[in-house]
Structure formats: C-alpha cells, structure tokens
C-alpha atoms as a PDB file:
ATOM      1  CA  MET A   1       0.220  42.387  21.723  1.00  0.00           C
ATOM      2  CA  ASN A   2       0.644  38.582  21.392  1.00  0.00           C
ATOM      3  CA  GLU A   3       0.632  37.837  17.610  1.00  0.00           C
ATOM      4  CA  GLU A   4      -0.150  34.049  18.081  1.00  0.00           C
ATOM      5  CA  PHE A   5      -3.472  34.361  19.988  1.00  0.00           C
ATOM      6  CA  GLY A   6      -4.398  37.927  18.875  1.00  0.00           C
ATOM      7  CA  PHE A   7      -4.530  39.529  22.440  1.00  0.00           C
ATOM      8  CA  HIS A   8      -3.274  42.420  24.112  1.00  0.00           C
ATOM      9  CA  ILE A   9      -1.291  41.210  27.226  1.00  0.00           C
ATOM     10  CA  ASN A  10      -2.871  42.172  30.549  1.00  0.00           C
ATOM     11  CA  ARG A  11      -5.060  44.682  29.058  1.00  0.00           C
ATOM     12  CA  PRO A  12      -8.826  44.456  30.038  1.00  0.00           C
ATOM     13  CA  PHE A  13     -11.328  43.575  27.426  1.00  0.00           C
ATOM     14  CA  TYR A  14     -14.916  42.371  26.879  1.00  0.00           C
ATOM     15  CA  ILE A  15     -16.188  39.552  24.899  1.00  0.00           C
ATOM     16  CA  ARG A  16     -19.230  40.805  23.112  1.00  0.00           C
ATOM     17  CA  SER A  17     -21.917  38.972  21.166  1.00  0.00           C
ATOM     18  CA  ARG A  18     -22.832  40.165  17.405  1.00  0.00           C
ATOM     19  CA  MET A  19     -26.306  39.262  18.036  1.00  0.00           C
ATOM     20  CA  PRO A  20     -28.992  42.278  18.189  1.00  0.00           C
ATOM     21  CA  MET A  21     -28.831  42.710  22.142  1.00  0.00           C
ATOM     22  CA  LYS A  22     -24.960  42.735  22.132  1.00  0.00           C
ATOM     23  CA  ARG A  23     -24.574  40.769  25.336  1.00  0.00           C
ATOM     24  CA  VAL A  24     -21.242  40.388  27.074  1.00  0.00           C
ATOM     25  CA  VAL A  25     -19.742  37.301  28.569  1.00  0.00           C
ATOM     26  CA  THR A  26     -19.881  37.737  32.459  1.00  0.00           C
ATOM     27  CA  MET A  27     -18.936  35.514  35.397  1.00  0.00           C
ATOM     28  CA  HIS A  28     -20.801  35.317  38.515  1.00  0.00           C
ATOM     29  CA  GLY A  29     -19.951  33.719  41.776  1.00  0.00           C
ATOM     30  CA  ASN A  30     -20.795  30.183  40.928  1.00  0.00           C
ATOM     31  CA  ASN A  31     -18.193  29.679  38.424  1.00  0.00           C
ATOM     32  CA  TRP A  32     -20.341  29.566  35.360  1.00  0.00           C
ATOM     33  CA  ILE A  33     -20.130  32.003  32.561  1.00  0.00           C
ATOM     34  CA  TYR A  34     -22.954  33.670  30.989  1.00  0.00           C
ATOM     35  CA  LEU A  35     -23.924  36.020  28.092  1.00  0.00           C
ATOM     36  CA  ARG A  36     -25.579  38.928  29.952  1.00  0.00           C
ATOM     37  CA  ARG A  37     -26.714  42.474  29.033  1.00  0.00           C
ATOM     38  CA  TRP A  38     -23.930  44.735  30.001  1.00  0.00           C
ATOM     39  CA  THR A  39     -24.455  47.274  32.939  1.00  0.00           C
ATOM     40  CA  PRO A  40     -22.222  49.538  34.869  1.00  0.00           C
ATOM     41  CA  ASN A  41     -22.845  47.472  38.065  1.00  0.00           C
ATOM     42  CA  HIS A  42     -21.354  44.471  36.499  1.00  0.00           C
ATOM     43  CA  ALA A  43     -18.684  46.059  34.539  1.00  0.00           C
ATOM     44  CA  LYS A  44     -15.784  44.209  36.407  1.00  0.00           C
ATOM     45  CA  HIS A  45     -17.628  40.773  36.062  1.00  0.00           C
ATOM     46  CA  ALA A  46     -17.610  41.088  32.330  1.00  0.00           C
ATOM     47  CA  GLN A  47     -13.904  42.116  32.001  1.00  0.00           C
ATOM     48  CA  TRP A  48     -11.384  39.777  31.141  1.00  0.00           C
ATOM     49  CA  ARG A  49      -7.525  39.956  30.474  1.00  0.00           C
ATOM     50  CA  PHE A  50      -5.159  37.622  28.695  1.00  0.00           C
ATOM     51  CA  ASP A  51      -1.924  36.365  30.780  1.00  0.00           C
ATOM     52  CA  GLU A  52       0.941  35.574  28.311  1.00  0.00           C
ATOM     53  CA  ARG A  53       2.663  33.623  30.729  1.00  0.00           C
ATOM     54  CA  THR A  54       0.151  31.078  31.377  1.00  0.00           C
ATOM     55  CA  LYS A  55      -1.761  31.615  28.147  1.00  0.00           C
ATOM     56  CA  THR A  56      -5.101  31.813  29.957  1.00  0.00           C
ATOM     57  CA  ILE A  57      -7.929  34.433  30.256  1.00  0.00           C
ATOM     58  CA  TYR A  58      -8.501  35.729  33.659  1.00  0.00           C
ATOM     59  CA  ASN A  59     -11.413  37.676  34.967  1.00  0.00           C
ATOM     60  CA  MET A  60     -11.027  41.028  36.184  1.00  0.00           C
ATOM     61  CA  HIS A  61     -13.194  40.836  39.400  1.00  0.00           C
ATOM     62  CA  TRP A  62     -12.473  37.358  40.452  1.00  0.00           C
ATOM     63  CA  LYS A  63      -8.669  37.679  39.759  1.00  0.00           C
ATOM     64  CA  ASN A  64      -7.696  34.078  40.370  1.00  0.00           C
ATOM     65  CA  TYR A  65     -10.314  32.479  38.113  1.00  0.00           C
ATOM     66  CA  VAL A  66      -9.657  31.537  34.578  1.00  0.00           C
ATOM     67  CA  MET A  67     -11.821  30.678  31.486  1.00  0.00           C
ATOM     68  CA  GLU A  68     -12.135  27.004  30.771  1.00  0.00           C
ATOM     69  CA  ILE A  69     -14.088  24.790  28.249  1.00  0.00           C
ATOM     70  CA  HIS A  70     -15.958  22.305  30.201  1.00  0.00           C
ATOM     71  CA  SER A  71     -14.951  18.751  30.157  1.00  0.00           C
ATOM     72  CA  ASN A  72     -11.671  19.452  28.540  1.00  0.00           C
ATOM     73  CA  GLY A  73     -12.946  20.944  25.438  1.00  0.00           C
ATOM     74  CA  GLY A  74     -15.591  18.251  24.900  1.00  0.00           C
ATOM     75  CA  HIS A  75     -18.435  20.125  26.067  1.00  0.00           C
ATOM     76  CA  PRO A  76     -20.373  23.388  24.650  1.00  0.00           C
ATOM     77  CA  TYR A  77     -20.170  25.285  28.025  1.00  0.00           C
ATOM     78  CA  VAL A  78     -17.674  27.444  29.302  1.00  0.00           C
ATOM     79  CA  ARG A  79     -16.892  27.823  32.966  1.00  0.00           C
ATOM     80  CA  ALA A  80     -14.408  29.615  35.251  1.00  0.00           C
ATOM     81  CA  THR A  81     -11.991  27.575  37.387  1.00  0.00           C
ATOM     82  CA  THR A  82      -9.021  28.225  39.760  1.00  0.00           C
ATOM     83  CA  SER A  83      -6.852  25.579  38.180  1.00  0.00           C
ATOM     84  CA  VAL A  84      -4.814  26.949  35.392  1.00  0.00           C
ATOM     85  CA  ASN A  85      -5.005  24.861  32.135  1.00  0.00           C
ATOM     86  CA  SER A  86      -3.377  26.544  29.194  1.00  0.00           C
ATOM     87  CA  ARG A  87      -4.578  23.940  26.634  1.00  0.00           C
ATOM     88  CA  TRP A  88      -6.252  25.792  23.739  1.00  0.00           C
ATOM     89  CA  TRP A  89      -9.036  23.815  22.031  1.00  0.00           C
END
C-alpha cells in the first residue's frame, strides 16, 4: 500500500462512478478513456494498476499505456499514452 497516493501497489482495480449506472473508466484502442457500463467482455479494458516506481496508473489490457490528463492537466479530458509522465495535478 502506498500511503501517499492511497493505492495498493500493482494490484488491479476499477475506477467506478458513483452515479446511478455505476459506469467504470475503460480504455479503448484509440487512446481515449471513457466511462462505460461494465461488461465481462471488457473487464481487462476497465482494470488499472498503480506502479509505485513511476507513480503512474497503467491499463491492465494495454500494459504499456498510462493514464494522463490531456494538455498537461489544463484540460478536462483524460487519455492514455505510452509516454510516462509522473506529474500529479
């Protein structure tokens, strides 16, 4: 457990919305991250893990993609990218 960020290290997790449909954050092949309804077919697409060494959040299906806030934190969109940027906004 990383106390600073509140994540279990390298343990898969879901990011789930508290809204009525309880959607999860998923990643698709085009690098954009969406809120989608969870289905067993897309379970790996919606799983993430925290890497303590790089302090980034990786996708469990596309293992070399990390979660990033678009425009270096200046945009409301989140995307996935292969470049590791461990800055927290």
